[in-house]
Amino acid sequence: MILDYEPGDKVTNPKNKDWGIGQVQSIIKDKVTVNFENAGKKVINAKNIELIKIGK
């Protein structure tokens, strides 16, 4: 699996749109830590949830 984002990228979680825009903090294997504007820091398993990259 190749993840198409890196720390600093802005993303959204399509399954939880109310979390708002998040910024990728770190990526360790398939665990992506994202700080969302409305939900705070979340650790996302990239195998189960595909984050949508904003911009670029």
PDB file of N, CA and C in Angstrom:
ATOM      1  N   MET A   1       0.836  -1.186   0.000  1.00  0.00           N
ATOM      2  CA  MET A   1       0.000   0.000   0.000  1.00  0.00           C
ATOM      3  C   MET A   1       0.879   1.247   0.000  1.00  0.00           C
ATOM      4  N   ILE A   2       0.560   2.160  -0.907  1.00  0.00           N
ATOM      5  CA  ILE A   2       1.298   3.421  -0.976  1.00  0.00           C
ATOM      6  C   ILE A   2       0.350   4.535  -0.562  1.00  0.00           C
ATOM      7  N   LEU A   3       0.733   5.264   0.463  1.00  0.00           N
ATOM      8  CA  LEU A   3      -0.095   6.368   0.935  1.00  0.00           C
ATOM      9  C   LEU A   3       0.280   7.632   0.183  1.00  0.00           C
ATOM     10  N   ASP A   4      -0.730   8.372  -0.260  1.00  0.00           N
ATOM     11  CA  ASP A   4      -0.517   9.537  -1.114  1.00  0.00           C
ATOM     12  C   ASP A   4      -0.496  10.839  -0.313  1.00  0.00           C
ATOM     13  N   TYR A   5      -0.066  10.783   0.948  1.00  0.00           N
ATOM     14  CA  TYR A   5       0.038  11.998   1.724  1.00  0.00           C
ATOM     15  C   TYR A   5       1.233  11.920   2.645  1.00  0.00           C
ATOM     16  N   GLU A   6       1.623  13.084   3.136  1.00  0.00           N
ATOM     17  CA  GLU A   6       2.790  13.181   4.008  1.00  0.00           C
ATOM     18  C   GLU A   6       2.495  14.232   5.077  1.00  0.00           C
ATOM     19  N   PRO A   7       3.285  14.276   6.133  1.00  0.00           N
ATOM     20  CA  PRO A   7       3.039  15.262   7.192  1.00  0.00           C
ATOM     21  C   PRO A   7       2.910  16.679   6.635  1.00  0.00           C
ATOM     22  N   GLY A   8       1.893  17.382   7.112  1.00  0.00           N
ATOM     23  CA  GLY A   8       1.623  18.740   6.648  1.00  0.00           C
ATOM     24  C   GLY A   8       0.492  18.822   5.648  1.00  0.00           C
ATOM     25  N   ASP A   9       0.182  17.704   4.985  1.00  0.00           N
ATOM     26  CA  ASP A   9      -0.912  17.711   4.007  1.00  0.00           C
ATOM     27  C   ASP A   9      -2.256  17.891   4.699  1.00  0.00           C
ATOM     28  N   LYS A  10      -3.173  18.547   4.004  1.00  0.00           N
ATOM     29  CA  LYS A  10      -4.550  18.717   4.481  1.00  0.00           C
ATOM     30  C   LYS A  10      -5.402  17.586   3.903  1.00  0.00           C
ATOM     31  N   VAL A  11      -6.238  16.994   4.763  1.00  0.00           N
ATOM     32  CA  VAL A  11      -7.073  15.866   4.344  1.00  0.00           C
ATOM     33  C   VAL A  11      -8.461  15.978   4.980  1.00  0.00           C
ATOM     34  N   THR A  12      -9.401  15.199   4.432  1.00  0.00           N
ATOM     35  CA  THR A  12     -10.705  15.022   5.060  1.00  0.00           C
ATOM     36  C   THR A  12     -10.983  13.533   5.166  1.00  0.00           C
ATOM     37  N   ASN A  13     -11.852  13.190   6.099  1.00  0.00           N
ATOM     38  CA  ASN A  13     -12.281  11.806   6.257  1.00  0.00           C
ATOM     39  C   ASN A  13     -13.701  11.722   5.697  1.00  0.00           C
ATOM     40  N   PRO A  14     -13.878  11.069   4.539  1.00  0.00           N
ATOM     41  CA  PRO A  14     -15.197  11.041   3.908  1.00  0.00           C
ATOM     42  C   PRO A  14     -16.269  10.357   4.764  1.00  0.00           C
ATOM     43  N   LYS A  15     -15.869   9.503   5.698  1.00  0.00           N
ATOM     44  CA  LYS A  15     -16.841   8.824   6.564  1.00  0.00           C
ATOM     45  C   LYS A  15     -17.240   9.693   7.755  1.00  0.00           C
ATOM     46  N   ASN A  16     -16.484  10.748   8.038  1.00  0.00           N
ATOM     47  CA  ASN A  16     -16.782  11.657   9.143  1.00  0.00           C
ATOM     48  C   ASN A  16     -16.542  13.099   8.695  1.00  0.00           C
ATOM     49  N   LYS A  17     -17.349  13.559   7.766  1.00  0.00           N
ATOM     50  CA  LYS A  17     -17.155  14.904   7.207  1.00  0.00           C
ATOM     51  C   LYS A  17     -17.273  15.993   8.265  1.00  0.00           C
ATOM     52  N   ASP A  18     -18.025  15.726   9.349  1.00  0.00           N
ATOM     53  CA  ASP A  18     -18.193  16.739  10.393  1.00  0.00           C
ATOM     54  C   ASP A  18     -16.918  16.969  11.195  1.00  0.00           C
ATOM     55  N   TRP A  19     -15.906  16.120  11.017  1.00  0.00           N
ATOM     56  CA  TRP A  19     -14.611  16.347  11.672  1.00  0.00           C
ATOM     57  C   TRP A  19     -13.914  17.564  11.083  1.00  0.00           C
ATOM     58  N   GLY A  20     -14.295  17.942   9.866  1.00  0.00           N
ATOM     59  CA  GLY A  20     -13.685  19.090   9.208  1.00  0.00           C
ATOM     60  C   GLY A  20     -12.366  18.722   8.535  1.00  0.00           C
ATOM     61  N   ILE A  21     -11.587  19.733   8.245  1.00  0.00           N
ATOM     62  CA  ILE A  21     -10.293  19.544   7.579  1.00  0.00           C
ATOM     63  C   ILE A  21      -9.255  19.172   8.628  1.00  0.00           C
ATOM     64  N   GLY A  22      -8.427  18.204   8.268  1.00  0.00           N
ATOM     65  CA  GLY A  22      -7.366  17.785   9.174  1.00  0.00           C
ATOM     66  C   GLY A  22      -6.001  17.961   8.547  1.00  0.00           C
ATOM     67  N   GLN A  23      -4.994  18.061   9.400  1.00  0.00           N
ATOM     68  CA  GLN A  23      -3.610  18.148   8.921  1.00  0.00           C
ATOM     69  C   GLN A  23      -2.881  16.904   9.382  1.00  0.00           C
ATOM     70  N   VAL A  24      -2.243  16.220   8.427  1.00  0.00           N
ATOM     71  CA  VAL A  24      -1.487  15.009   8.740  1.00  0.00           C
ATOM     72  C   VAL A  24      -0.309  15.372   9.637  1.00  0.00           C
ATOM     73  N   GLN A  25      -0.203  14.700  10.778  1.00  0.00           N
ATOM     74  CA  GLN A  25       0.873  14.947  11.733  1.00  0.00           C
ATOM     75  C   GLN A  25       2.019  13.950  11.526  1.00  0.00           C
ATOM     76  N   SER A  26       1.665  12.664  11.394  1.00  0.00           N
ATOM     77  CA  SER A  26       2.695  11.643  11.198  1.00  0.00           C
ATOM     78  C   SER A  26       2.095  10.422  10.533  1.00  0.00           C
ATOM     79  N   ILE A  27       2.968   9.612   9.934  1.00  0.00           N
ATOM     80  CA  ILE A  27       2.566   8.362   9.299  1.00  0.00           C
ATOM     81  C   ILE A  27       3.545   7.291   9.750  1.00  0.00           C
ATOM     82  N   ILE A  28       3.033   6.270  10.409  1.00  0.00           N
ATOM     83  CA  ILE A  28       3.862   5.147  10.838  1.00  0.00           C
ATOM     84  C   ILE A  28       3.187   3.875  10.330  1.00  0.00           C
ATOM     85  N   LYS A  29       3.838   3.246   9.353  1.00  0.00           N
ATOM     86  CA  LYS A  29       3.266   2.095   8.646  1.00  0.00           C
ATOM     87  C   LYS A  29       1.908   2.491   8.088  1.00  0.00           C
ATOM     88  N   ASP A  30       0.816   1.855   8.509  1.00  0.00           N
ATOM     89  CA  ASP A  30      -0.500   2.206   7.966  1.00  0.00           C
ATOM     90  C   ASP A  30      -1.325   3.053   8.925  1.00  0.00           C
ATOM     91  N   LYS A  31      -0.693   3.578   9.973  1.00  0.00           N
ATOM     92  CA  LYS A  31      -1.371   4.440  10.940  1.00  0.00           C
ATOM     93  C   LYS A  31      -1.037   5.907  10.641  1.00  0.00           C
ATOM     94  N   VAL A  32      -2.072   6.688  10.370  1.00  0.00           N
ATOM     95  CA  VAL A  32      -1.903   8.093  10.032  1.00  0.00           C
ATOM     96  C   VAL A  32      -2.499   8.933  11.163  1.00  0.00           C
ATOM     97  N   THR A  33      -1.698   9.773  11.784  1.00  0.00           N
ATOM     98  CA  THR A  33      -2.189  10.661  12.835  1.00  0.00           C
ATOM     99  C   THR A  33      -2.556  11.991  12.188  1.00  0.00           C
ATOM    100  N   VAL A  34      -3.819  12.397  12.406  1.00  0.00           N
ATOM    101  CA  VAL A  34      -4.338  13.616  11.787  1.00  0.00           C
ATOM    102  C   VAL A  34      -4.965  14.482  12.870  1.00  0.00           C
ATOM    103  N   ASN A  35      -4.691  15.781  12.824  1.00  0.00           N
ATOM    104  CA  ASN A  35      -5.299  16.733  13.751  1.00  0.00           C
ATOM    105  C   ASN A  35      -6.444  17.427  13.012  1.00  0.00           C
ATOM    106  N   PHE A  36      -7.691  17.043  13.359  1.00  0.00           N
ATOM    107  CA  PHE A  36      -8.874  17.598  12.698  1.00  0.00           C
ATOM    108  C   PHE A  36      -9.364  18.846  13.428  1.00  0.00           C
ATOM    109  N   GLU A  37      -9.876  19.827  12.664  1.00  0.00           N
ATOM    110  CA  GLU A  37     -10.305  21.098  13.244  1.00  0.00           C
ATOM    111  C   GLU A  37     -11.484  20.942  14.200  1.00  0.00           C
ATOM    112  N   ASN A  38     -12.378  19.980  13.978  1.00  0.00           N
ATOM    113  CA  ASN A  38     -13.560  19.824  14.820  1.00  0.00           C
ATOM    114  C   ASN A  38     -13.520  18.600  15.727  1.00  0.00           C
ATOM    115  N   ALA A  39     -12.527  17.730  15.553  1.00  0.00           N
ATOM    116  CA  ALA A  39     -12.510  16.475  16.315  1.00  0.00           C
ATOM    117  C   ALA A  39     -11.185  16.231  17.033  1.00  0.00           C
ATOM    118  N   GLY A  40     -10.216  17.126  16.848  1.00  0.00           N
ATOM    119  CA  GLY A  40      -8.927  16.946  17.502  1.00  0.00           C
ATOM    120  C   GLY A  40      -8.078  15.885  16.817  1.00  0.00           C
ATOM    121  N   LYS A  41      -7.141  15.345  17.571  1.00  0.00           N
ATOM    122  CA  LYS A  41      -6.179  14.399  17.017  1.00  0.00           C
ATOM    123  C   LYS A  41      -6.776  12.998  16.939  1.00  0.00           C
ATOM    124  N   LYS A  42      -6.683  12.388  15.768  1.00  0.00           N
ATOM    125  CA  LYS A  42      -7.195  11.035  15.536  1.00  0.00           C
ATOM    126  C   LYS A  42      -6.109  10.204  14.868  1.00  0.00           C
ATOM    127  N   VAL A  43      -6.051   8.935  15.247  1.00  0.00           N
ATOM    128  CA  VAL A  43      -5.160   7.995  14.568  1.00  0.00           C
ATOM    129  C   VAL A  43      -6.034   7.155  13.641  1.00  0.00           C
ATOM    130  N   ILE A  44      -5.752   7.236  12.357  1.00  0.00           N
ATOM    131  CA  ILE A  44      -6.547   6.579  11.328  1.00  0.00           C
ATOM    132  C   ILE A  44      -5.783   5.375  10.793  1.00  0.00           C
ATOM    133  N   ASN A  45      -6.464   4.239  10.706  1.00  0.00           N
ATOM    134  CA  ASN A  45      -5.872   3.063  10.072  1.00  0.00           C
ATOM    135  C   ASN A  45      -6.136   3.183   8.575  1.00  0.00           C
ATOM    136  N   ALA A  46      -5.087   3.429   7.799  1.00  0.00           N
ATOM    137  CA  ALA A  46      -5.235   3.677   6.364  1.00  0.00           C
ATOM    138  C   ALA A  46      -5.714   2.445   5.607  1.00  0.00           C
ATOM    139  N   LYS A  47      -5.649   1.272   6.220  1.00  0.00           N
ATOM    140  CA  LYS A  47      -6.183   0.067   5.573  1.00  0.00           C
ATOM    141  C   LYS A  47      -7.713   0.085   5.570  1.00  0.00           C
ATOM    142  N   ASN A  48      -8.305   0.758   6.566  1.00  0.00           N
ATOM    143  CA  ASN A  48      -9.760   0.762   6.714  1.00  0.00           C
ATOM    144  C   ASN A  48     -10.436   2.030   6.220  1.00  0.00           C
ATOM    145  N   ILE A  49      -9.739   3.160   6.299  1.00  0.00           N
ATOM    146  CA  ILE A  49     -10.329   4.446   5.922  1.00  0.00           C
ATOM    147  C   ILE A  49      -9.394   5.162   4.962  1.00  0.00           C
ATOM    148  N   GLU A  50      -9.944   5.538   3.804  1.00  0.00           N
ATOM    149  CA  GLU A  50      -9.128   6.278   2.837  1.00  0.00           C
ATOM    150  C   GLU A  50      -9.380   7.772   3.026  1.00  0.00           C
ATOM    151  N   LEU A  51      -8.362   8.481   3.435  1.00  0.00           N
ATOM    152  CA  LEU A  51      -8.451   9.935   3.593  1.00  0.00           C
ATOM    153  C   LEU A  51      -8.370  10.595   2.227  1.00  0.00           C
ATOM    154  N   ILE A  52      -9.074  11.693   2.080  1.00  0.00           N
ATOM    155  CA  ILE A  52      -9.064  12.447   0.831  1.00  0.00           C
ATOM    156  C   ILE A  52      -8.170  13.661   0.983  1.00  0.00           C
ATOM    157  N   LYS A  53      -7.155  13.743   0.126  1.00  0.00           N
ATOM    158  CA  LYS A  53      -6.196  14.851   0.170  1.00  0.00           C
ATOM    159  C   LYS A  53      -6.817  16.101  -0.451  1.00  0.00           C
ATOM    160  N   ILE A  54      -6.595  17.242   0.183  1.00  0.00           N
ATOM    161  CA  ILE A  54      -7.130  18.517  -0.300  1.00  0.00           C
ATOM    162  C   ILE A  54      -6.002  19.309  -0.963  1.00  0.00           C
ATOM    163  N   GLY A  55      -6.302  19.872  -2.108  1.00  0.00           N
ATOM    164  CA  GLY A  55      -5.320  20.696  -2.796  1.00  0.00           C
ATOM    165  C   GLY A  55      -4.274  19.882  -3.534  1.00  0.00           C
ATOM    166  N   LYS A  56      -3.278  20.586  -4.034  1.00  0.00           N
ATOM    167  CA  LYS A  56      -2.190  20.002  -4.848  1.00  0.00           C
ATOM    168  C   LYS A  56      -2.770  19.075  -5.875  1.00  0.00           C
TER     169      LYS A  56
END
